[in-house]
Protein backbone atom coordinates (compact mmCIF):
# COMPACT_ATOMS: atom_id res chain seq x y z
CA MET A 1 16.26 -71.01 14.19
CA PRO A 2 19.52 -69.71 14.40
CA HIS A 3 20.26 -65.74 14.27
CA LEU A 4 22.98 -66.40 11.95
CA PRO A 5 23.31 -69.51 9.79
CA PRO A 6 26.63 -71.60 10.03
CA LEU A 7 28.98 -70.70 7.32
CA PRO A 8 29.78 -73.67 4.85
CA ARG A 9 33.00 -75.10 5.69
CA GLU A 10 34.72 -74.06 2.22
CA ALA A 11 34.33 -70.56 3.33
CA VAL A 12 37.05 -71.08 5.73
CA PRO A 13 39.56 -73.05 4.06
CA GLU A 14 42.35 -72.07 6.48
CA PHE A 15 40.32 -74.34 9.04
CA LYS A 16 40.19 -77.27 6.98
CA GLU A 17 42.67 -79.36 9.28
CA ARG A 18 40.87 -78.59 12.38
CA PHE A 19 37.52 -79.34 10.97
CA GLU A 20 38.88 -82.67 9.71
CA HIS A 21 39.74 -83.23 13.18
CA TYR A 22 36.19 -82.39 14.39
CA GLU A 23 34.77 -84.67 12.04
CA ASN A 24 37.09 -87.72 12.87
CA THR A 25 36.88 -87.08 16.71
CA ARG A 26 33.26 -85.93 17.15
CA GLY A 27 31.33 -87.08 13.84
CA PHE A 28 30.53 -83.60 12.45
CA ILE A 29 31.69 -80.04 12.48
CA PRO A 30 29.90 -77.87 14.99
CA ASN A 31 27.82 -75.23 13.99
CA SER A 32 29.09 -72.96 16.88
CA ILE A 33 32.53 -72.94 15.20
CA LEU A 34 31.01 -72.48 11.39
CA THR A 35 29.30 -69.53 12.71
CA MET A 36 32.19 -67.78 14.60
CA SER A 37 33.98 -68.28 11.47
CA ARG A 38 32.65 -65.12 10.06
CA ARG A 39 35.61 -63.54 12.35
CA PRO A 40 38.27 -66.20 11.51
CA ALA A 41 40.59 -64.67 14.25
CA ILE A 42 37.92 -64.95 17.03
CA ALA A 43 37.10 -68.70 15.72
CA ALA A 44 41.02 -69.57 15.75
CA ALA A 45 41.51 -67.94 19.07
CA PHE A 46 38.64 -69.71 20.67
CA MET A 47 39.66 -73.41 18.99
CA GLN A 48 42.96 -73.06 20.47
CA LEU A 49 41.60 -72.16 23.77
CA ASN A 50 39.21 -74.91 23.60
CA LYS A 51 42.02 -77.28 22.91
CA VAL A 52 44.53 -76.01 25.61
CA VAL A 53 41.63 -76.13 28.09
CA LEU A 54 39.87 -79.40 27.47
CA TYR A 55 42.70 -81.53 26.02
CA GLU A 56 46.03 -80.47 28.04
CA GLY A 57 46.99 -80.70 31.46
CA THR A 58 46.79 -83.28 34.16
CA VAL A 59 42.91 -83.20 34.88
CA ASP A 60 41.14 -86.36 33.41
CA GLU A 61 39.41 -85.46 30.15
CA GLU A 62 36.18 -87.45 31.20
CA LEU A 63 36.13 -85.53 34.13
CA LYS A 64 36.43 -82.06 32.08
CA MET A 65 33.82 -83.45 29.86
CA LEU A 66 31.42 -83.96 32.56
CA VAL A 67 32.08 -80.43 34.28
CA SER A 68 31.38 -79.12 30.95
CA LEU A 69 28.07 -80.82 30.87
CA ILE A 70 27.03 -80.06 34.34
CA ALA A 71 27.96 -76.58 33.96
CA SER A 72 25.89 -76.08 30.62
CA GLN A 73 23.10 -77.90 32.57
CA ALA A 74 23.23 -75.30 35.30
CA ALA A 75 23.32 -72.60 32.61
CA GLY A 76 20.41 -74.16 30.58
CA CYS A 77 22.47 -74.28 27.32
CA ARG A 78 21.00 -77.27 25.70
CA TYR A 79 23.29 -76.78 22.88
CA CYS A 80 26.32 -77.16 24.81
CA GLN A 81 24.46 -79.89 26.92
CA ALA A 82 24.11 -81.96 23.78
CA HIS A 83 27.66 -81.34 22.60
CA MET A 84 29.15 -82.42 25.92
CA ALA A 85 27.08 -85.40 26.47
CA ASN A 86 28.67 -86.43 23.19
CA LEU A 87 32.21 -85.72 24.36
CA ALA A 88 31.71 -87.12 27.61
CA SER A 89 30.85 -90.54 25.96
CA ILE A 90 33.79 -90.16 23.49
CA TYR A 91 35.95 -89.67 26.55
CA GLN A 92 34.97 -93.04 28.20
CA ALA A 93 31.96 -91.65 30.49
CA SER A 94 29.25 -94.36 30.62
CA ASP A 95 25.48 -93.43 29.39
CA LYS A 96 24.63 -94.46 33.15
CA LYS A 97 27.17 -91.73 34.42
CA ILE A 98 26.24 -88.90 31.72
CA ALA A 99 22.41 -89.62 32.62
CA ALA A 100 23.25 -89.10 36.42
CA VAL A 101 25.69 -86.31 36.52
CA TRP A 102 22.97 -84.17 37.62
CA ALA A 103 22.74 -86.26 40.58
CA PHE A 104 26.26 -86.80 41.37
CA GLN A 105 25.89 -85.77 45.06
CA GLU A 106 24.00 -88.93 45.60
CA SER A 107 25.16 -91.36 42.73
CA ASP A 108 27.58 -93.89 43.47
CA LEU A 109 28.68 -93.49 40.03
CA PHE A 110 30.96 -90.83 41.15
CA SER A 111 34.03 -90.28 43.37
CA ASP A 112 34.63 -87.71 46.16
CA ALA A 113 37.06 -85.87 43.82
CA GLU A 114 34.58 -85.94 40.71
CA ARG A 115 32.01 -84.72 43.14
CA ALA A 116 33.92 -81.65 44.34
CA ALA A 117 34.68 -80.80 40.70
CA LEU A 118 31.16 -80.86 39.67
CA ARG A 119 29.77 -79.02 42.74
CA LEU A 120 32.20 -76.44 41.78
CA ALA A 121 30.78 -76.44 38.16
CA VAL A 122 27.06 -76.17 39.35
CA ASN A 123 27.89 -73.29 41.89
CA ALA A 124 30.33 -71.31 39.44
CA SER A 125 27.76 -71.67 36.53
CA LEU A 126 24.55 -70.36 38.56
CA LEU A 127 24.05 -66.38 38.37
CA PRO A 128 25.09 -64.94 40.76
CA ASN A 129 28.07 -67.21 41.18
CA GLN A 130 27.59 -69.32 44.12
CA ALA A 131 31.27 -70.69 44.34
CA THR A 132 32.47 -70.67 47.73
CA GLN A 133 35.43 -71.17 49.68
CA GLU A 134 34.27 -74.56 50.93
CA ASP A 135 33.90 -75.55 47.24
CA PHE A 136 37.56 -74.61 46.72
CA ASP A 137 38.62 -76.44 50.17
CA GLU A 138 36.94 -79.49 48.94
CA LEU A 139 39.01 -79.19 45.52
CA ALA A 140 42.23 -78.70 47.40
CA ARG A 141 41.62 -82.33 49.05
CA HIS A 142 41.73 -84.03 45.68
CA PHE A 143 43.44 -81.56 42.86
CA ASP A 144 46.40 -79.48 42.99
CA GLU A 145 46.47 -75.39 42.32
CA GLY A 146 47.21 -76.54 38.67
CA GLN A 147 44.34 -78.85 38.41
CA ILE A 148 42.17 -76.34 39.92
CA VAL A 149 43.02 -73.62 37.52
CA GLU A 150 42.27 -76.51 34.67
CA LEU A 151 38.72 -76.92 36.46
CA VAL A 152 37.87 -73.28 36.35
CA ALA A 153 39.08 -72.62 33.03
CA THR A 154 36.95 -75.53 31.79
CA ILE A 155 33.79 -73.91 33.75
CA ALA A 156 34.95 -70.39 32.32
CA LEU A 157 35.04 -71.70 28.79
CA PHE A 158 31.54 -73.15 28.77
CA GLY A 159 30.52 -69.87 30.33
CA TYR A 160 31.57 -68.34 27.06
CA LEU A 161 30.04 -71.07 25.02
CA ASN A 162 26.80 -71.02 26.94
CA ARG A 163 26.28 -67.29 26.35
CA TRP A 164 27.40 -67.67 22.47
CA ASN A 165 25.08 -70.58 21.60
CA ASP A 166 22.23 -69.40 23.62
CA THR A 167 22.23 -65.93 22.19
CA MET A 168 22.84 -67.03 18.66
CA ALA A 169 20.27 -69.68 18.92
CA THR A 170 22.91 -72.11 17.23
CA GLY A 171 21.46 -74.75 15.38
CA LEU A 172 22.15 -78.41 17.09
CA GLU A 173 23.46 -80.95 14.88
CA ASP A 174 21.64 -84.29 14.53
CA TYR A 175 24.61 -86.32 15.82
CA PRO A 176 24.83 -84.76 19.28
CA ALA A 177 21.17 -84.58 19.53
CA ASP A 178 20.90 -88.27 19.06
CA VAL A 179 23.69 -88.68 21.73
CA ALA A 180 22.01 -86.36 23.99
CA ALA A 181 18.47 -88.25 23.76
CA ARG A 182 20.31 -91.44 24.55
CA THR A 183 22.19 -90.40 27.55
CA ILE A 184 20.51 -87.62 29.27
CA GLY A 185 16.96 -88.20 27.49
CA GLU A 186 16.04 -89.96 30.87
CA GLY A 187 15.66 -86.54 32.16
CA GLY A 188 13.23 -85.07 29.48
CA TRP A 189 15.82 -84.24 26.81
CA GLU A 190 14.43 -81.61 24.12
CA ALA A 191 16.79 -79.74 22.09
CA GLY A 192 14.82 -76.39 22.77
CA LYS A 193 15.77 -73.15 20.87
CA HIS A 194 18.38 -75.19 19.51
CA SER A 195 16.42 -77.38 17.03
């Protein structure tokens, strides 16, 4: 049960256009945003940061979604895992690839560049942070400095979201829960406290 229920969308008419975008692209409005909307300036700043980090730049969006998914898995946030399984699917990651993301080191579904990015995401999402110079050396073989900034920004964005949703016990919407059950369910998907 969430500590604060999401607001109805009508409570923040200034986000009407953004909410329509979420419905059209994701199939729902995230409860995390509806809860955050109690402080519209925070919600607006977060939505802008989310847009800039995940949907701008030169790193492939599919990879950013997979980095976000594995960062959320490493942090243990089931809400974000479900959301990122959904977005990874929307951005053309196959169900097989989404299901295998935790086995990226051994899976032939991932390129060396993807492995480098996913390895950093896991190591940077653990507490204490375990990112090393070797992680960055491997990234530099595949990505330029601007792209490395994009990847670290993606991981950091989900550090915020993982803490937000786990702390608030944000209720998981049906649509991403269904996608997670289909894609990462092979690993024993359960919604946890976000049900």
